[in-house]
Amino acid sequence: MQIKEVVLAGVDASLETALMLERKANQLLFATRDQKEGMQAFIEKRKPKFEGGGLKSEVQHLYSTKV
């Protein structure tokens, strides 16, 4: 789930539910390879090389690397 989807889903939700959705989405997206690449590129002062795809891409990668 991307942040934009969470925002749209949270519009009609209570504040408590919307904040919970946002917190969960941030936890999931913060663990992506693109996030790690972005932080590493920032530290190394270089342009990041993003793979794209967000969380869906991460899940597919995990399943494709398992034996």
Protein backbone atom coordinates (compact mmCIF):
# COMPACT_ATOMS: atom_id res chain seq x y z
CA MET A 1 0.00 0.00 0.00
CA GLN A 2 1.37 3.38 -0.99
CA ILE A 3 1.05 6.50 1.14
CA LYS A 4 -1.39 8.07 -1.35
CA GLU A 5 -3.73 5.09 -0.95
CA VAL A 6 -3.54 5.41 2.83
CA VAL A 7 -4.40 9.10 2.67
CA LEU A 8 -7.41 8.40 0.46
CA ALA A 9 -8.56 5.56 2.73
CA GLY A 10 -8.12 7.70 5.82
CA VAL A 11 -10.27 10.58 4.58
CA ASP A 12 -13.51 8.89 5.64
CA ALA A 13 -12.03 7.22 8.73
CA SER A 14 -11.88 8.50 12.27
CA LEU A 15 -8.72 10.38 13.25
CA GLU A 16 -7.56 7.43 15.36
CA THR A 17 -8.01 4.98 12.47
CA ALA A 18 -6.40 7.33 9.92
CA LEU A 19 -3.34 7.80 12.15
CA MET A 20 -3.05 4.04 12.64
CA LEU A 21 -3.19 3.49 8.86
CA GLU A 22 -0.51 6.13 8.31
CA ARG A 23 1.73 4.64 11.00
CA LYS A 24 1.46 1.11 9.55
CA ALA A 25 2.12 2.30 5.99
CA ASN A 26 5.19 4.25 7.09
CA GLN A 27 6.52 1.21 8.95
CA LEU A 28 6.10 -0.98 5.87
CA LEU A 29 7.50 1.50 3.36
CA PHE A 30 10.44 2.44 5.55
CA ALA A 31 11.71 -1.12 5.15
CA THR A 32 11.95 -1.05 1.34
CA ARG A 33 15.16 -1.35 -0.66
CA ASP A 34 14.42 2.04 -2.26
CA GLN A 35 14.31 3.66 1.17
CA LYS A 36 17.63 2.09 2.11
CA GLU A 37 19.15 3.14 -1.23
CA GLY A 38 17.90 6.71 -0.74
CA MET A 39 19.43 6.98 2.72
CA GLN A 40 22.72 5.43 1.57
CA ALA A 41 22.91 7.77 -1.42
CA PHE A 42 22.27 10.74 0.86
CA ILE A 43 25.06 9.68 3.21
CA GLU A 44 27.43 9.13 0.27
CA LYS A 45 26.29 12.42 -1.36
CA ARG A 46 25.39 10.74 -4.63
CA LYS A 47 22.28 10.41 -6.75
CA PRO A 48 20.13 7.41 -5.68
CA LYS A 49 19.47 4.49 -8.03
CA PHE A 50 15.88 3.60 -7.18
CA GLU A 51 14.34 0.34 -8.40
CA GLY A 52 10.78 1.56 -7.88
CA GLY A 53 7.72 -0.49 -7.16
CA GLY A 54 7.31 0.27 -3.46
CA LEU A 55 5.98 -2.38 -1.12
CA LYS A 56 4.51 -4.62 -3.83
CA SER A 57 7.96 -4.87 -5.40
CA GLU A 58 9.46 -5.76 -2.02
CA VAL A 59 7.01 -8.61 -1.46
CA GLN A 60 7.65 -9.98 -4.96
CA HIS A 61 11.41 -9.79 -4.36
CA LEU A 62 11.10 -11.68 -1.06
CA TYR A 63 9.10 -14.49 -2.68
CA SER A 64 11.42 -14.73 -5.70
CA THR A 65 14.54 -15.09 -3.52
CA LYS A 66 13.19 -17.85 -1.27
CA VAL A 67 14.21 -21.40 -2.14
